[in-house]
Amino acid sequence: YDALGRRVASLHDGPLGAGTHRLTLDGEALAPGVYVVRV
């Protein structure tokens, strides 16, 4: 989400197994600024 609370990207939406998982935010596709990644 951007600073105005708008959803700007989906990093994952679906099932995941137990353990660790890598989530990547593609900064090249977004304008400079502050973002919140929410799971």
All heavy atoms as atom14 arrays in JSON, in Angstrom:
{
  "sequence": "YDALGRRVASLHDGPLGAGTHRLTLDGEALAPGVYVVRV",
  "atom14_mask": [
    [1, 1, 1, 1, 1, 1, 1, 1, 1, 1, 1, 1, 0, 0],
    [1, 1, 1, 1, 1, 1, 1, 1, 0, 0, 0, 0, 0, 0],
    [1, 1, 1, 1, 1, 0, 0, 0, 0, 0, 0, 0, 0, 0],
    [1, 1, 1, 1, 1, 1, 1, 1, 0, 0, 0, 0, 0, 0],
    [1, 1, 1, 1, 0, 0, 0, 0, 0, 0, 0, 0, 0, 0],
    [1, 1, 1, 1, 1, 1, 1, 1, 1, 1, 1, 0, 0, 0],
    [1, 1, 1, 1, 1, 1, 1, 1, 1, 1, 1, 0, 0, 0],
    [1, 1, 1, 1, 1, 1, 1, 0, 0, 0, 0, 0, 0, 0],
    [1, 1, 1, 1, 1, 0, 0, 0, 0, 0, 0, 0, 0, 0],
    [1, 1, 1, 1, 1, 1, 0, 0, 0, 0, 0, 0, 0, 0],
    [1, 1, 1, 1, 1, 1, 1, 1, 0, 0, 0, 0, 0, 0],
    [1, 1, 1, 1, 1, 1, 1, 1, 1, 1, 0, 0, 0, 0],
    [1, 1, 1, 1, 1, 1, 1, 1, 0, 0, 0, 0, 0, 0],
    [1, 1, 1, 1, 0, 0, 0, 0, 0, 0, 0, 0, 0, 0],
    [1, 1, 1, 1, 1, 1, 1, 0, 0, 0, 0, 0, 0, 0],
    [1, 1, 1, 1, 1, 1, 1, 1, 0, 0, 0, 0, 0, 0],
    [1, 1, 1, 1, 0, 0, 0, 0, 0, 0, 0, 0, 0, 0],
    [1, 1, 1, 1, 1, 0, 0, 0, 0, 0, 0, 0, 0, 0],
    [1, 1, 1, 1, 0, 0, 0, 0, 0, 0, 0, 0, 0, 0],
    [1, 1, 1, 1, 1, 1, 1, 0, 0, 0, 0, 0, 0, 0],
    [1, 1, 1, 1, 1, 1, 1, 1, 1, 1, 0, 0, 0, 0],
    [1, 1, 1, 1, 1, 1, 1, 1, 1, 1, 1, 0, 0, 0],
    [1, 1, 1, 1, 1, 1, 1, 1, 0, 0, 0, 0, 0, 0],
    [1, 1, 1, 1, 1, 1, 1, 0, 0, 0, 0, 0, 0, 0],
    [1, 1, 1, 1, 1, 1, 1, 1, 0, 0, 0, 0, 0, 0],
    [1, 1, 1, 1, 1, 1, 1, 1, 0, 0, 0, 0, 0, 0],
    [1, 1, 1, 1, 0, 0, 0, 0, 0, 0, 0, 0, 0, 0],
    [1, 1, 1, 1, 1, 1, 1, 1, 1, 0, 0, 0, 0, 0],
    [1, 1, 1, 1, 1, 0, 0, 0, 0, 0, 0, 0, 0, 0],
    [1, 1, 1, 1, 1, 1, 1, 1, 0, 0, 0, 0, 0, 0],
    [1, 1, 1, 1, 1, 0, 0, 0, 0, 0, 0, 0, 0, 0],
    [1, 1, 1, 1, 1, 1, 1, 0, 0, 0, 0, 0, 0, 0],
    [1, 1, 1, 1, 0, 0, 0, 0, 0, 0, 0, 0, 0, 0],
    [1, 1, 1, 1, 1, 1, 1, 0, 0, 0, 0, 0, 0, 0],
    [1, 1, 1, 1, 1, 1, 1, 1, 1, 1, 1, 1, 0, 0],
    [1, 1, 1, 1, 1, 1, 1, 0, 0, 0, 0, 0, 0, 0],
    [1, 1, 1, 1, 1, 1, 1, 0, 0, 0, 0, 0, 0, 0],
    [1, 1, 1, 1, 1, 1, 1, 1, 1, 1, 1, 0, 0, 0],
    [1, 1, 1, 1, 1, 1, 1, 0, 0, 0, 0, 0, 0, 0]
  ],
  "atom14_positions": [
    [[0.85, -1.19, 0.0], [0.0, 0.0, 0.0], [0.88, 1.24, 0.0], [1.97, 1.25, 0.61], [-0.89, 0.02, 1.25], [-1.91, -1.09, 1.28], [-1.55, -2.36, 1.72], [-3.22, -0.87, 0.88], [-2.48, -3.39, 1.74], [-4.16, -1.89, 0.9], [-3.78, -3.15, 1.34], [-4.7, -4.17, 1.36], [0.0, 0.0, 0.0], [0.0, 0.0, 0.0]],
    [[0.4, 2.28, -0.67], [1.14, 3.53, -0.66], [0.77, 4.37, 0.55], [-0.03, 3.94, 1.4], [0.95, 4.31, -1.97], [-0.49, 4.8, -2.16], [-1.29, 4.74, -1.21], [-0.8, 5.25, -3.28], [0.0, 0.0, 0.0], [0.0, 0.0, 0.0], [0.0, 0.0, 0.0], [0.0, 0.0, 0.0], [0.0, 0.0, 0.0], [0.0, 0.0, 0.0]],
    [[1.31, 5.58, 0.63], [1.11, 6.42, 1.82], [-0.33, 6.88, 1.97], [-0.74, 7.3, 3.06], [2.03, 7.63, 1.76], [0.0, 0.0, 0.0], [0.0, 0.0, 0.0], [0.0, 0.0, 0.0], [0.0, 0.0, 0.0], [0.0, 0.0, 0.0], [0.0, 0.0, 0.0], [0.0, 0.0, 0.0], [0.0, 0.0, 0.0], [0.0, 0.0, 0.0]],
    [[-1.14, 6.78, 0.92], [-2.54, 7.15, 0.99], [-3.44, 5.96, 1.28], [-4.67, 6.09, 1.3], [-2.98, 7.82, -0.33], [-2.27, 9.13, -0.68], [-2.75, 9.65, -2.02], [-2.5, 10.17, 0.41], [0.0, 0.0, 0.0], [0.0, 0.0, 0.0], [0.0, 0.0, 0.0], [0.0, 0.0, 0.0], [0.0, 0.0, 0.0], [0.0, 0.0, 0.0]],
    [[-2.83, 4.79, 1.52], [-3.61, 3.6, 1.83], [-4.15, 2.88, 0.62], [-4.99, 1.98, 0.75], [0.0, 0.0, 0.0], [0.0, 0.0, 0.0], [0.0, 0.0, 0.0], [0.0, 0.0, 0.0], [0.0, 0.0, 0.0], [0.0, 0.0, 0.0], [0.0, 0.0, 0.0], [0.0, 0.0, 0.0], [0.0, 0.0, 0.0], [0.0, 0.0, 0.0]],
    [[-3.66, 3.21, -0.58], [-4.13, 2.56, -1.8], [-3.29, 1.31, -2.08], [-2.07, 1.34, -1.97], [-4.03, 3.52, -2.99], [-4.88, 4.78, -2.82], [-4.64, 5.76, -3.94], [-3.27, 6.23, -3.95], [-2.84, 7.28, -4.66], [-3.7, 7.95, -5.4], [-1.57, 7.64, -4.61], [0.0, 0.0, 0.0], [0.0, 0.0, 0.0], [0.0, 0.0, 0.0]],
    [[-3.96, 0.22, -2.45], [-3.23, -1.01, -2.8], [-2.55, -0.8, -4.14], [-3.2, -0.46, -5.13], [-4.18, -2.19, -2.87], [-3.46, -3.54, -3.01], [-4.45, -4.68, -2.89], [-5.29, -4.78, -4.07], [-5.01, -5.51, -5.16], [-3.89, -6.21, -5.2], [-5.82, -5.53, -6.18], [0.0, 0.0, 0.0], [0.0, 0.0, 0.0], [0.0, 0.0, 0.0]],
    [[-1.23, -1.02, -4.17], [-0.47, -0.77, -5.39], [0.18, -2.02, -5.96], [0.63, -2.02, -7.11], [0.62, 0.3, -5.15], [-0.02, 1.63, -4.8], [1.57, -0.13, -4.03], [0.0, 0.0, 0.0], [0.0, 0.0, 0.0], [0.0, 0.0, 0.0], [0.0, 0.0, 0.0], [0.0, 0.0, 0.0], [0.0, 0.0, 0.0], [0.0, 0.0, 0.0]],
    [[0.22, -3.11, -5.18], [0.85, -4.33, -5.68], [0.4, -5.53, -4.86], [0.11, -5.41, -3.67], [2.38, -4.22, -5.62], [0.0, 0.0, 0.0], [0.0, 0.0, 0.0], [0.0, 0.0, 0.0], [0.0, 0.0, 0.0], [0.0, 0.0, 0.0], [0.0, 0.0, 0.0], [0.0, 0.0, 0.0], [0.0, 0.0, 0.0], [0.0, 0.0, 0.0]],
    [[0.33, -6.69, -5.52], [0.07, -7.95, -4.84], [1.33, -8.79, -4.89], [1.86, -9.07, -5.98], [-1.09, -8.68, -5.51], [-1.27, -9.97, -4.92], [0.0, 0.0, 0.0], [0.0, 0.0, 0.0], [0.0, 0.0, 0.0], [0.0, 0.0, 0.0], [0.0, 0.0, 0.0], [0.0, 0.0, 0.0], [0.0, 0.0, 0.0], [0.0, 0.0, 0.0]],
    [[1.83, -9.17, -3.72], [3.04, -9.99, -3.65], [2.72, -11.47, -3.63], [3.54, -12.3, -4.05], [3.87, -9.61, -2.42], [4.69, -8.32, -2.49], [3.81, -7.09, -2.63], [5.58, -8.18, -1.25], [0.0, 0.0, 0.0], [0.0, 0.0, 0.0], [0.0, 0.0, 0.0], [0.0, 0.0, 0.0], [0.0, 0.0, 0.0], [0.0, 0.0, 0.0]],
    [[1.56, -11.82, -3.08], [1.11, -13.21, -3.07], [-0.35, -13.26, -2.66], [-0.8, -12.47, -1.82], [1.94, -14.05, -2.08], [1.56, -15.51, -2.1], [2.07, -16.4, -3.0], [0.68, -16.22, -1.34], [1.55, -17.6, -2.8], [0.7, -17.5, -1.79], [0.0, 0.0, 0.0], [0.0, 0.0, 0.0], [0.0, 0.0, 0.0], [0.0, 0.0, 0.0]],
    [[-1.1, -14.17, -3.25], [-2.48, -14.39, -2.87], [-2.83, -15.84, -3.15], [-3.18, -16.21, -4.28], [-3.42, -13.45, -3.63], [-4.85, -13.48, -3.09], [-5.1, -14.26, -2.14], [-5.7, -12.73, -3.61], [0.0, 0.0, 0.0], [0.0, 0.0, 0.0], [0.0, 0.0, 0.0], [0.0, 0.0, 0.0], [0.0, 0.0, 0.0], [0.0, 0.0, 0.0]],
    [[-2.71, -16.67, -2.1], [-2.98, -18.08, -2.27], [-2.39, -18.9, -1.15], [-1.87, -18.36, -0.17], [0.0, 0.0, 0.0], [0.0, 0.0, 0.0], [0.0, 0.0, 0.0], [0.0, 0.0, 0.0], [0.0, 0.0, 0.0], [0.0, 0.0, 0.0], [0.0, 0.0, 0.0], [0.0, 0.0, 0.0], [0.0, 0.0, 0.0], [0.0, 0.0, 0.0]],
    [[-2.45, -20.23, -1.26], [-1.94, -21.09, -0.18], [-0.43, -21.11, -0.11], [0.26, -20.96, -1.12], [-2.5, -22.48, -0.57], [-2.71, -22.41, -2.05], [-3.08, -20.99, -2.35], [0.0, 0.0, 0.0], [0.0, 0.0, 0.0], [0.0, 0.0, 0.0], [0.0, 0.0, 0.0], [0.0, 0.0, 0.0], [0.0, 0.0, 0.0], [0.0, 0.0, 0.0]],
    [[0.08, -21.27, 1.12], [1.5, -21.44, 1.36], [1.68, -22.52, 2.43], [0.86, -22.63, 3.35], [2.16, -20.14, 1.84], [2.38, -19.03, 0.81], [2.91, -17.78, 1.52], [3.33, -19.48, -0.29], [0.0, 0.0, 0.0], [0.0, 0.0, 0.0], [0.0, 0.0, 0.0], [0.0, 0.0, 0.0], [0.0, 0.0, 0.0], [0.0, 0.0, 0.0]],
    [[2.74, -23.29, 2.34], [3.0, -24.32, 3.32], [3.71, -23.78, 4.55], [4.16, -22.63, 4.58], [0.0, 0.0, 0.0], [0.0, 0.0, 0.0], [0.0, 0.0, 0.0], [0.0, 0.0, 0.0], [0.0, 0.0, 0.0], [0.0, 0.0, 0.0], [0.0, 0.0, 0.0], [0.0, 0.0, 0.0], [0.0, 0.0, 0.0], [0.0, 0.0, 0.0]],
    [[3.83, -24.62, 5.56], [4.57, -24.24, 6.75], [6.04, -24.04, 6.4], [6.6, -24.73, 5.54], [4.42, -25.31, 7.83], [0.0, 0.0, 0.0], [0.0, 0.0, 0.0], [0.0, 0.0, 0.0], [0.0, 0.0, 0.0], [0.0, 0.0, 0.0], [0.0, 0.0, 0.0], [0.0, 0.0, 0.0], [0.0, 0.0, 0.0], [0.0, 0.0, 0.0]],
    [[6.67, -23.05, 7.05], [8.07, -22.78, 6.79], [8.28, -21.34, 6.4], [7.48, -20.46, 6.71], [0.0, 0.0, 0.0], [0.0, 0.0, 0.0], [0.0, 0.0, 0.0], [0.0, 0.0, 0.0], [0.0, 0.0, 0.0], [0.0, 0.0, 0.0], [0.0, 0.0, 0.0], [0.0, 0.0, 0.0], [0.0, 0.0, 0.0], [0.0, 0.0, 0.0]],
    [[9.39, -21.05, 5.7], [9.73, -19.68, 5.32], [9.49, -19.47, 3.83], [9.67, -20.39, 3.01], [11.19, -19.36, 5.66], [12.05, -20.29, 4.97], [11.43, -19.47, 7.16], [0.0, 0.0, 0.0], [0.0, 0.0, 0.0], [0.0, 0.0, 0.0], [0.0, 0.0, 0.0], [0.0, 0.0, 0.0], [0.0, 0.0, 0.0], [0.0, 0.0, 0.0]],
    [[9.1, -18.25, 3.5], [8.77, -17.92, 2.11], [9.3, -16.52, 1.79], [9.27, -15.61, 2.62], [7.25, -17.96, 1.89], [6.64, -19.26, 2.29], [6.56, -20.35, 1.44], [6.09, -19.67, 3.47], [5.98, -21.36, 2.07], [5.69, -20.97, 3.3], [0.0, 0.0, 0.0], [0.0, 0.0, 0.0], [0.0, 0.0, 0.0], [0.0, 0.0, 0.0]],
    [[9.74, -16.37, 0.56], [10.33, -15.11, 0.1], [9.23, -14.26, -0.56], [8.52, -14.73, -1.46], [11.45, -15.43, -0.89], [12.18, -14.23, -1.47], [13.15, -14.75, -2.54], [13.84, -13.68, -3.23], [15.06, -13.27, -2.93], [15.72, -13.83, -1.94], [15.64, -12.31, -3.63], [0.0, 0.0, 0.0], [0.0, 0.0, 0.0], [0.0, 0.0, 0.0]],
    [[9.11, -13.02, -0.11], [8.18, -12.07, -0.72], [9.0, -10.92, -1.3], [9.88, -10.37, -0.62], [7.2, -11.52, 0.33], [6.29, -12.53, 1.03], [5.49, -11.83, 2.11], [5.37, -13.23, 0.03], [0.0, 0.0, 0.0], [0.0, 0.0, 0.0], [0.0, 0.0, 0.0], [0.0, 0.0, 0.0], [0.0, 0.0, 0.0], [0.0, 0.0, 0.0]],
    [[8.72, -10.57, -2.55], [9.52, -9.55, -3.22], [8.63, -8.39, -3.65], [7.61, -8.59, -4.34], [10.23, -10.13, -4.46], [11.07, -11.21, -4.05], [11.08, -9.06, -5.13], [0.0, 0.0, 0.0], [0.0, 0.0, 0.0], [0.0, 0.0, 0.0], [0.0, 0.0, 0.0], [0.0, 0.0, 0.0], [0.0, 0.0, 0.0], [0.0, 0.0, 0.0]],
    [[9.01, -7.2, -3.24], [8.36, -5.98, -3.7], [9.21, -5.39, -4.82], [10.36, -5.03, -4.61], [8.23, -4.96, -2.56], [7.61, -3.62, -2.93], [6.15, -3.79, -3.35], [7.7, -2.62, -1.77], [0.0, 0.0, 0.0], [0.0, 0.0, 0.0], [0.0, 0.0, 0.0], [0.0, 0.0, 0.0], [0.0, 0.0, 0.0], [0.0, 0.0, 0.0]],
    [[8.63, -5.3, -6.02], [9.35, -4.79, -7.19], [9.37, -3.27, -7.17], [8.39, -2.61, -7.55], [8.68, -5.3, -8.47], [9.42, -4.87, -9.72], [10.5, -4.25, -9.59], [8.93, -5.15, -10.83], [0.0, 0.0, 0.0], [0.0, 0.0, 0.0], [0.0, 0.0, 0.0], [0.0, 0.0, 0.0], [0.0, 0.0, 0.0], [0.0, 0.0, 0.0]],
    [[10.46, -2.71, -6.7], [10.57, -1.27, -6.59], [10.63, -0.56, -7.93], [10.29, 0.63, -8.03], [0.0, 0.0, 0.0], [0.0, 0.0, 0.0], [0.0, 0.0, 0.0], [0.0, 0.0, 0.0], [0.0, 0.0, 0.0], [0.0, 0.0, 0.0], [0.0, 0.0, 0.0], [0.0, 0.0, 0.0], [0.0, 0.0, 0.0], [0.0, 0.0, 0.0]],
    [[11.07, -1.29, -8.98], [11.16, -0.67, -10.29], [9.8, -0.27, -10.83], [9.68, 0.66, -11.64], [11.83, -1.64, -11.27], [13.25, -2.03, -10.91], [14.23, -0.87, -11.13], [13.84, 0.11, -11.79], [15.36, -0.95, -10.62], [0.0, 0.0, 0.0], [0.0, 0.0, 0.0], [0.0, 0.0, 0.0], [0.0, 0.0, 0.0], [0.0, 0.0, 0.0]],
    [[8.74, -0.97, -10.38], [7.4, -0.7, -10.9], [6.67, 0.37, -10.12], [5.52, 0.71, -10.46], [6.58, -2.0, -10.88], [0.0, 0.0, 0.0], [0.0, 0.0, 0.0], [0.0, 0.0, 0.0], [0.0, 0.0, 0.0], [0.0, 0.0, 0.0], [0.0, 0.0, 0.0], [0.0, 0.0, 0.0], [0.0, 0.0, 0.0], [0.0, 0.0, 0.0]],
    [[7.31, 0.93, -9.08], [6.63, 1.89, -8.22], [7.41, 3.2, -8.15], [8.64, 3.22, -8.31], [6.48, 1.31, -6.8], [5.63, 0.04, -6.69], [5.74, -0.54, -5.28], [4.18, 0.32, -7.02], [0.0, 0.0, 0.0], [0.0, 0.0, 0.0], [0.0, 0.0, 0.0], [0.0, 0.0, 0.0], [0.0, 0.0, 0.0], [0.0, 0.0, 0.0]],
    [[6.69, 4.27, -7.88], [7.33, 5.57, -7.72], [8.1, 5.62, -6.41], [7.79, 4.89, -5.47], [6.26, 6.67, -7.75], [0.0, 0.0, 0.0], [0.0, 0.0, 0.0], [0.0, 0.0, 0.0], [0.0, 0.0, 0.0], [0.0, 0.0, 0.0], [0.0, 0.0, 0.0], [0.0, 0.0, 0.0], [0.0, 0.0, 0.0], [0.0, 0.0, 0.0]],
    [[9.1, 6.46, -6.29], [9.79, 6.61, -5.01], [8.82, 7.03, -3.92], [7.88, 7.78, -4.17], [10.83, 7.71, -5.3], [11.01, 7.69, -6.77], [9.67, 7.32, -7.35], [0.0, 0.0, 0.0], [0.0, 0.0, 0.0], [0.0, 0.0, 0.0], [0.0, 0.0, 0.0], [0.0, 0.0, 0.0], [0.0, 0.0, 0.0], [0.0, 0.0, 0.0]],
    [[9.07, 6.54, -2.72], [8.2, 6.88, -1.6], [8.21, 5.81, -0.54], [9.04, 4.88, -0.57], [0.0, 0.0, 0.0], [0.0, 0.0, 0.0], [0.0, 0.0, 0.0], [0.0, 0.0, 0.0], [0.0, 0.0, 0.0], [0.0, 0.0, 0.0], [0.0, 0.0, 0.0], [0.0, 0.0, 0.0], [0.0, 0.0, 0.0], [0.0, 0.0, 0.0]],
    [[7.29, 5.92, 0.41], [7.19, 4.99, 1.52], [5.97, 4.09, 1.3], [4.87, 4.58, 0.99], [7.06, 5.72, 2.86], [6.92, 4.73, 4.01], [8.27, 6.62, 3.09], [0.0, 0.0, 0.0], [0.0, 0.0, 0.0], [0.0, 0.0, 0.0], [0.0, 0.0, 0.0], [0.0, 0.0, 0.0], [0.0, 0.0, 0.0], [0.0, 0.0, 0.0]],
    [[6.16, 2.79, 1.46], [5.1, 1.81, 1.23], [4.99, 0.88, 2.43], [5.95, 0.7, 3.19], [5.38, 0.99, -0.04], [5.38, 1.83, -1.29], [6.52, 2.51, -1.7], [4.22, 1.96, -2.06], [6.52, 3.3, -2.84], [4.2, 2.74, -3.21], [5.35, 3.42, -3.59], [5.34, 4.2, -4.71], [0.0, 0.0, 0.0], [0.0, 0.0, 0.0]],
    [[3.82, 0.29, 2.58], [3.59, -0.71, 3.63], [3.29, -2.04, 2.96], [2.39, -2.13, 2.1], [2.42, -0.31, 4.55], [2.07, -1.46, 5.5], [2.77, 0.93, 5.34], [0.0, 0.0, 0.0], [0.0, 0.0, 0.0], [0.0, 0.0, 0.0], [0.0, 0.0, 0.0], [0.0, 0.0, 0.0], [0.0, 0.0, 0.0], [0.0, 0.0, 0.0]],
    [[4.05, -3.07, 3.34], [3.75, -4.44, 2.91], [2.96, -5.1, 4.03], [3.45, -5.19, 5.16], [5.03, -5.24, 2.6], [4.69, -6.7, 2.3], [5.76, -4.61, 1.42], [0.0, 0.0, 0.0], [0.0, 0.0, 0.0], [0.0, 0.0, 0.0], [0.0, 0.0, 0.0], [0.0, 0.0, 0.0], [0.0, 0.0, 0.0], [0.0, 0.0, 0.0]],
    [[1.75, -5.53, 3.73], [0.89, -6.13, 4.75], [0.57, -7.57, 4.36], [0.16, -7.85, 3.23], [-0.41, -5.34, 4.91], [-1.35, -5.94, 5.95], [-2.64, -5.13, 6.1], [-2.35, -3.77, 6.52], [-2.74, -2.7, 5.86], [-3.43, -2.8, 4.76], [-2.42, -1.5, 6.32], [0.0, 0.0, 0.0], [0.0, 0.0, 0.0], [0.0, 0.0, 0.0]],
    [[0.76, -8.49, 5.32], [0.45, -9.91, 5.12], [-0.72, -10.28, 6.01], [-0.7, -10.01, 7.22], [1.67, -10.79, 5.46], [1.33, -12.27, 5.29], [2.86, -10.42, 4.57], [0.0, 0.0, 0.0], [0.0, 0.0, 0.0], [0.0, 0.0, 0.0], [0.0, 0.0, 0.0], [0.0, 0.0, 0.0], [0.0, 0.0, 0.0], [0.0, 0.0, 0.0]]
  ]
}
